[in-house]
C-alpha cells in the first residue's frame, strides 16, 4: 500500500511517500512544497493545492495521513495553517482518498515511543525505519514521513486484529 504523509503549513508543507508491505515500509519520495512569504494568500493556497494535486497524480497514494492542528502557543498561526490544511484536504477529497489524522503526540509515541520526543529523535527514527543513509534535513519532510509511518503502523495493527481498514 502506498501512503502519503502530509505536514501542512502555509510557507512549507512537508510530504512523505512510503510503500508498505506487511510490517515493512520503504521510502518512495519526500520533500516540501514551498510558497513565498510575499505572495498573496490566495496565490499561496492555489500553489499548495496544485502541488498537492501533482503529488497525488504522480505518487498515486492509496491512503493519506495528515497532522491534526494543534496550537498551544501562537493561535494567530492557526488560521493560515488551517487554510493550507483545507486546500490540501480538498485535493485529497477530489481524488477520493481516505484521510487519517494524527496528533503530534500520537506520531511521536508511534515513531519514538515517547510523546515528548525532540525533532532530532524523529528524524533519526524515520531514517532508521526507512533505511535512509542520512536523516531528512527538513523537519517538515521528516514529520510527513513520520505521519506516513504512523498510519502504516495503525493499518498493520488493525489488519493483525482482523479489523476492517476502511474508515
Foldseek 3Di string as FASTA:
>chain_A
DKEKFWEFDLAKIKIFIWDDDQLAIAGDDIDIQGDDPPDPLVVSLVSLLVVLLVCCVVRVGQAYEYEDDDDDDDCVRVVSRVSSVVSNVVSCVVVVHYYHYDYQQLLCCQQVVGSPDDLVSLQVSLCVRNVNPGGDPDSNNSVRSSRRSSVVVVQSVCVVVVHDPDD
